[in-house]
Amino acid sequence: MSVGGHAYAGTRGVSAVQVSTDGGDTWTDAELTERLPGPTPADAAPDDSAVGAGEAADAWRGWRHEYEATDTHEVVVRAVEADGTVQPSAETDPYPSGASGWVAETVRP
C-alpha cells in the first residue's frame, strides 16, 4: 500500500513526517520531497537563516509511505519540525497559532 500527502510548519520547517499503520502505537519515517528552492542571494531577506542556503523559508513538504497491509487498519500521520518538535496529537483551530493535531484515516487494502 502507499499513502501520502503534504505537511506544513510555516517557517519552522518540516524535517520529518511519521506514519503509524497501527493506530499510533509504532511510527515510521515517510519519504519526504526536497525543500523548494528559495530566493536567490540578491533577493534573500536578512532573517533567512532558519533554513539552509537556497531553500524556501515557508513551504509545504510532500511525503509518501509504502508498506504491506492485508486488513483494514487505521493510518495516523504526524509532522516533525526542523528543531525536532513533534506535532501534538490534540486538534487545535488555526487561530491564533496555526492548526495542529494528528491526521487519522481508516484504510482498506
N, C-alpha and C. Protein backbone atom coordinates (compact mmCIF):
# COMPACT_ATOMS: atom_id res chain seq x y z
N MET A 1 0.84 -1.17 0.00
CA MET A 1 0.00 0.00 0.00
C MET A 1 0.88 1.23 0.00
N SER A 2 0.29 2.32 -0.44
CA SER A 2 1.01 3.58 -0.46
C SER A 2 0.06 4.67 0.04
N VAL A 3 0.55 5.50 0.97
CA VAL A 3 -0.19 6.66 1.43
C VAL A 3 0.72 7.87 1.29
N GLY A 4 0.14 9.05 1.17
CA GLY A 4 0.96 10.24 1.02
C GLY A 4 0.15 11.49 1.23
N GLY A 5 0.85 12.61 1.28
CA GLY A 5 0.19 13.89 1.46
C GLY A 5 1.19 15.01 1.52
N HIS A 6 0.81 16.08 2.21
CA HIS A 6 1.65 17.27 2.36
C HIS A 6 1.69 17.67 3.82
N ALA A 7 2.82 18.20 4.27
CA ALA A 7 2.97 18.66 5.65
C ALA A 7 3.49 20.10 5.63
N TYR A 8 3.11 20.84 6.67
CA TYR A 8 3.46 22.26 6.71
C TYR A 8 3.71 22.69 8.15
N ALA A 9 4.75 23.46 8.38
CA ALA A 9 5.04 24.01 9.70
C ALA A 9 5.51 25.46 9.60
N GLY A 10 5.03 26.17 8.59
CA GLY A 10 5.42 27.57 8.42
C GLY A 10 6.92 27.70 8.24
N THR A 11 7.48 28.77 8.75
CA THR A 11 8.91 28.99 8.60
C THR A 11 9.74 28.11 9.53
N ARG A 12 9.07 27.36 10.42
CA ARG A 12 9.80 26.42 11.30
C ARG A 12 10.33 25.24 10.50
N GLY A 13 9.70 24.92 9.40
CA GLY A 13 10.15 23.84 8.52
C GLY A 13 9.75 22.46 9.01
N VAL A 14 9.61 21.53 8.09
CA VAL A 14 9.29 20.13 8.38
C VAL A 14 10.54 19.29 8.12
N SER A 15 11.02 18.60 9.15
CA SER A 15 12.20 17.75 8.98
C SER A 15 11.83 16.29 8.77
N ALA A 16 10.60 15.91 9.17
CA ALA A 16 10.16 14.52 9.00
C ALA A 16 8.64 14.46 9.06
N VAL A 17 8.11 13.43 8.46
CA VAL A 17 6.71 13.05 8.63
C VAL A 17 6.73 11.61 9.08
N GLN A 18 6.03 11.33 10.17
CA GLN A 18 5.99 9.97 10.71
C GLN A 18 4.61 9.38 10.49
N VAL A 19 4.60 8.09 10.11
CA VAL A 19 3.36 7.39 9.80
C VAL A 19 3.24 6.18 10.70
N SER A 20 2.04 5.98 11.25
CA SER A 20 1.73 4.79 12.03
C SER A 20 0.64 4.03 11.29
N THR A 21 0.86 2.75 11.07
CA THR A 21 -0.16 1.93 10.40
C THR A 21 -0.88 1.02 11.38
N ASP A 22 -0.67 1.29 12.68
CA ASP A 22 -1.35 0.51 13.72
C ASP A 22 -2.08 1.42 14.71
N GLY A 23 -2.58 2.56 14.21
CA GLY A 23 -3.37 3.44 15.05
C GLY A 23 -2.59 4.33 15.99
N GLY A 24 -1.27 4.42 15.86
CA GLY A 24 -0.47 5.32 16.66
C GLY A 24 0.43 4.64 17.67
N ASP A 25 0.55 3.31 17.61
CA ASP A 25 1.43 2.60 18.55
C ASP A 25 2.89 2.65 18.14
N THR A 26 3.18 2.45 16.85
CA THR A 26 4.55 2.50 16.34
C THR A 26 4.60 3.47 15.16
N TRP A 27 5.79 4.09 14.96
CA TRP A 27 5.94 5.14 13.96
C TRP A 27 7.11 4.84 13.04
N THR A 28 6.95 5.19 11.75
CA THR A 28 7.99 5.04 10.74
C THR A 28 8.10 6.35 9.98
N ASP A 29 9.33 6.77 9.65
CA ASP A 29 9.52 7.98 8.86
C ASP A 29 9.09 7.75 7.42
N ALA A 30 8.32 8.69 6.89
CA ALA A 30 7.92 8.66 5.48
C ALA A 30 9.03 9.27 4.63
N GLU A 31 8.97 9.03 3.35
CA GLU A 31 9.89 9.65 2.39
C GLU A 31 9.40 11.07 2.12
N LEU A 32 10.30 12.06 2.24
CA LEU A 32 9.95 13.46 2.02
C LEU A 32 10.47 13.97 0.69
N THR A 33 9.75 14.90 0.09
CA THR A 33 10.27 15.60 -1.08
C THR A 33 11.33 16.59 -0.61
N GLU A 34 12.16 17.04 -1.51
CA GLU A 34 13.16 18.06 -1.19
C GLU A 34 12.45 19.37 -0.90
N ARG A 35 13.09 20.23 -0.11
CA ARG A 35 12.53 21.56 0.12
C ARG A 35 12.54 22.34 -1.20
N LEU A 36 11.57 23.20 -1.37
CA LEU A 36 11.53 24.04 -2.56
C LEU A 36 12.67 25.04 -2.53
N PRO A 37 13.16 25.46 -3.71
CA PRO A 37 14.23 26.45 -3.73
C PRO A 37 13.72 27.79 -3.23
N GLY A 38 14.60 28.54 -2.60
CA GLY A 38 14.24 29.86 -2.08
C GLY A 38 14.73 30.95 -2.99
N PRO A 39 14.72 32.16 -2.48
CA PRO A 39 15.17 33.30 -3.29
C PRO A 39 16.67 33.22 -3.57
N THR A 40 17.07 33.86 -4.61
CA THR A 40 18.50 33.95 -4.91
C THR A 40 19.15 34.82 -3.85
N PRO A 41 20.45 34.73 -3.64
CA PRO A 41 21.11 35.55 -2.60
C PRO A 41 20.79 37.04 -2.69
N ALA A 42 20.62 37.57 -3.88
CA ALA A 42 20.33 39.00 -4.03
C ALA A 42 18.92 39.32 -3.51
N ASP A 43 18.00 38.33 -3.54
CA ASP A 43 16.63 38.55 -3.10
C ASP A 43 16.38 38.13 -1.65
N ALA A 44 17.33 37.45 -1.03
CA ALA A 44 17.11 36.87 0.30
C ALA A 44 16.92 37.95 1.35
N ALA A 45 16.00 37.67 2.27
CA ALA A 45 15.77 38.57 3.41
C ALA A 45 16.86 38.33 4.44
N PRO A 46 17.16 39.30 5.29
CA PRO A 46 18.21 39.15 6.29
C PRO A 46 17.96 38.01 7.28
N ASP A 47 16.70 37.64 7.51
CA ASP A 47 16.39 36.61 8.50
C ASP A 47 16.18 35.23 7.89
N ASP A 48 16.70 34.96 6.72
CA ASP A 48 16.54 33.67 6.05
C ASP A 48 17.45 32.59 6.63
N SER A 49 18.03 32.79 7.79
CA SER A 49 18.97 31.84 8.37
C SER A 49 18.29 30.61 8.96
N ALA A 50 16.95 30.59 9.06
CA ALA A 50 16.24 29.47 9.68
C ALA A 50 16.28 28.21 8.81
N VAL A 51 16.57 28.34 7.54
CA VAL A 51 16.64 27.20 6.63
C VAL A 51 17.98 27.21 5.92
N GLY A 52 18.27 26.10 5.24
CA GLY A 52 19.53 26.02 4.51
C GLY A 52 19.61 27.03 3.38
N ALA A 53 20.81 27.34 2.96
CA ALA A 53 21.02 28.29 1.88
C ALA A 53 20.29 27.83 0.62
N GLY A 54 19.56 28.73 0.02
CA GLY A 54 18.87 28.43 -1.23
C GLY A 54 17.57 27.66 -1.05
N GLU A 55 17.07 27.47 0.20
CA GLU A 55 15.82 26.77 0.43
C GLU A 55 14.72 27.75 0.80
N ALA A 56 13.49 27.43 0.39
CA ALA A 56 12.35 28.28 0.74
C ALA A 56 12.12 28.25 2.24
N ALA A 57 11.89 29.41 2.84
CA ALA A 57 11.70 29.50 4.29
C ALA A 57 10.29 29.11 4.70
N ASP A 58 9.33 29.11 3.79
CA ASP A 58 7.92 28.87 4.12
C ASP A 58 7.29 28.03 3.02
N ALA A 59 7.36 26.70 3.14
CA ALA A 59 6.88 25.85 2.06
C ALA A 59 6.35 24.52 2.59
N TRP A 60 5.39 23.96 1.89
CA TRP A 60 4.87 22.63 2.19
C TRP A 60 5.90 21.59 1.78
N ARG A 61 5.87 20.41 2.44
CA ARG A 61 6.72 19.28 2.05
C ARG A 61 5.80 18.12 1.69
N GLY A 62 6.04 17.51 0.55
CA GLY A 62 5.30 16.32 0.18
C GLY A 62 5.90 15.11 0.88
N TRP A 63 5.06 14.09 1.14
CA TRP A 63 5.56 12.86 1.76
C TRP A 63 4.83 11.66 1.18
N ARG A 64 5.49 10.51 1.32
CA ARG A 64 4.94 9.24 0.81
C ARG A 64 5.46 8.11 1.70
N HIS A 65 4.59 7.12 1.93
CA HIS A 65 4.97 5.96 2.75
C HIS A 65 4.38 4.71 2.11
N GLU A 66 5.23 3.71 1.88
CA GLU A 66 4.78 2.43 1.33
C GLU A 66 4.94 1.35 2.39
N TYR A 67 3.97 0.44 2.46
CA TYR A 67 4.00 -0.62 3.46
C TYR A 67 3.09 -1.77 3.02
N GLU A 68 3.22 -2.90 3.69
CA GLU A 68 2.39 -4.08 3.42
C GLU A 68 1.16 -4.04 4.33
N ALA A 69 -0.01 -4.38 3.77
CA ALA A 69 -1.23 -4.45 4.57
C ALA A 69 -2.18 -5.47 3.95
N THR A 70 -2.84 -6.24 4.81
CA THR A 70 -3.81 -7.23 4.33
C THR A 70 -5.20 -7.00 4.92
N ASP A 71 -5.29 -6.24 6.01
CA ASP A 71 -6.56 -5.99 6.67
C ASP A 71 -6.84 -4.49 6.75
N THR A 72 -8.10 -4.15 7.01
CA THR A 72 -8.47 -2.77 7.26
C THR A 72 -7.74 -2.30 8.52
N HIS A 73 -7.21 -1.07 8.48
CA HIS A 73 -6.42 -0.57 9.61
C HIS A 73 -6.48 0.96 9.63
N GLU A 74 -6.03 1.55 10.75
CA GLU A 74 -6.01 2.99 10.87
C GLU A 74 -4.59 3.50 10.63
N VAL A 75 -4.48 4.48 9.73
CA VAL A 75 -3.20 5.14 9.46
C VAL A 75 -3.24 6.50 10.15
N VAL A 76 -2.21 6.81 10.92
CA VAL A 76 -2.10 8.08 11.63
C VAL A 76 -0.81 8.76 11.18
N VAL A 77 -0.87 10.07 10.98
CA VAL A 77 0.28 10.82 10.47
C VAL A 77 0.54 12.03 11.35
N ARG A 78 1.83 12.30 11.61
CA ARG A 78 2.23 13.49 12.35
C ARG A 78 3.51 14.06 11.73
N ALA A 79 3.69 15.37 11.88
CA ALA A 79 4.88 16.04 11.35
C ALA A 79 5.88 16.31 12.46
N VAL A 80 7.15 16.43 12.08
CA VAL A 80 8.21 16.81 13.00
C VAL A 80 8.86 18.07 12.44
N GLU A 81 8.94 19.11 13.26
CA GLU A 81 9.53 20.37 12.82
C GLU A 81 11.05 20.26 12.76
N ALA A 82 11.67 21.23 12.11
CA ALA A 82 13.13 21.21 11.91
C ALA A 82 13.90 21.13 13.23
N ASP A 83 13.34 21.67 14.31
CA ASP A 83 14.04 21.63 15.61
C ASP A 83 13.75 20.35 16.40
N GLY A 84 13.00 19.42 15.80
CA GLY A 84 12.69 18.15 16.46
C GLY A 84 11.36 18.12 17.19
N THR A 85 10.65 19.24 17.23
CA THR A 85 9.34 19.28 17.89
C THR A 85 8.35 18.41 17.12
N VAL A 86 7.73 17.45 17.83
CA VAL A 86 6.75 16.56 17.21
C VAL A 86 5.36 17.19 17.32
N GLN A 87 4.62 17.15 16.23
CA GLN A 87 3.27 17.69 16.21
C GLN A 87 2.44 17.06 17.32
N PRO A 88 1.75 17.86 18.13
CA PRO A 88 0.93 17.29 19.20
C PRO A 88 -0.29 16.56 18.65
N SER A 89 -0.77 15.58 19.40
CA SER A 89 -1.91 14.78 18.93
C SER A 89 -3.23 15.53 19.01
N ALA A 90 -3.36 16.46 19.95
CA ALA A 90 -4.62 17.20 20.14
C ALA A 90 -4.88 18.15 18.98
N GLU A 91 -6.12 18.14 18.49
CA GLU A 91 -6.51 19.02 17.40
C GLU A 91 -6.76 20.42 17.92
N THR A 92 -6.23 21.43 17.22
CA THR A 92 -6.47 22.83 17.57
C THR A 92 -6.92 23.59 16.33
N ASP A 93 -7.60 24.70 16.53
CA ASP A 93 -8.03 25.55 15.44
C ASP A 93 -6.85 26.35 14.88
N PRO A 94 -6.98 26.85 13.65
CA PRO A 94 -5.89 27.61 13.05
C PRO A 94 -5.54 28.90 13.80
N TYR A 95 -6.53 29.54 14.40
CA TYR A 95 -6.27 30.80 15.09
C TYR A 95 -6.05 30.53 16.56
N PRO A 96 -5.05 31.03 17.22
CA PRO A 96 -4.13 32.09 16.79
C PRO A 96 -2.76 31.57 16.37
N SER A 97 -2.46 30.29 16.60
CA SER A 97 -1.09 29.81 16.39
C SER A 97 -0.96 28.78 15.28
N GLY A 98 -2.00 28.53 14.54
CA GLY A 98 -1.95 27.53 13.47
C GLY A 98 -2.60 26.23 13.90
N ALA A 99 -3.20 25.55 12.96
CA ALA A 99 -3.88 24.28 13.24
C ALA A 99 -2.87 23.21 13.62
N SER A 100 -3.32 22.26 14.42
CA SER A 100 -2.47 21.14 14.79
C SER A 100 -3.34 19.92 15.02
N GLY A 101 -2.70 18.80 15.27
CA GLY A 101 -3.40 17.55 15.52
C GLY A 101 -3.01 16.51 14.50
N TRP A 102 -2.92 15.28 14.96
CA TRP A 102 -2.59 14.18 14.05
C TRP A 102 -3.76 13.93 13.11
N VAL A 103 -3.44 13.45 11.91
CA VAL A 103 -4.46 13.09 10.93
C VAL A 103 -4.59 11.57 10.94
N ALA A 104 -5.83 11.07 11.01
CA ALA A 104 -6.06 9.62 11.05
C ALA A 104 -7.14 9.26 10.04
N GLU A 105 -6.93 8.15 9.34
CA GLU A 105 -7.88 7.62 8.38
C GLU A 105 -7.90 6.11 8.46
N THR A 106 -9.09 5.52 8.30
CA THR A 106 -9.20 4.08 8.18
C THR A 106 -8.93 3.72 6.73
N VAL A 107 -8.04 2.75 6.50
CA VAL A 107 -7.63 2.37 5.16
C VAL A 107 -7.97 0.91 4.91
N ARG A 108 -8.49 0.64 3.73
CA ARG A 108 -8.79 -0.73 3.33
C ARG A 108 -7.89 -1.12 2.16
N PRO A 109 -7.20 -2.24 2.27
CA PRO A 109 -6.29 -2.64 1.18
C PRO A 109 -7.02 -2.97 -0.10
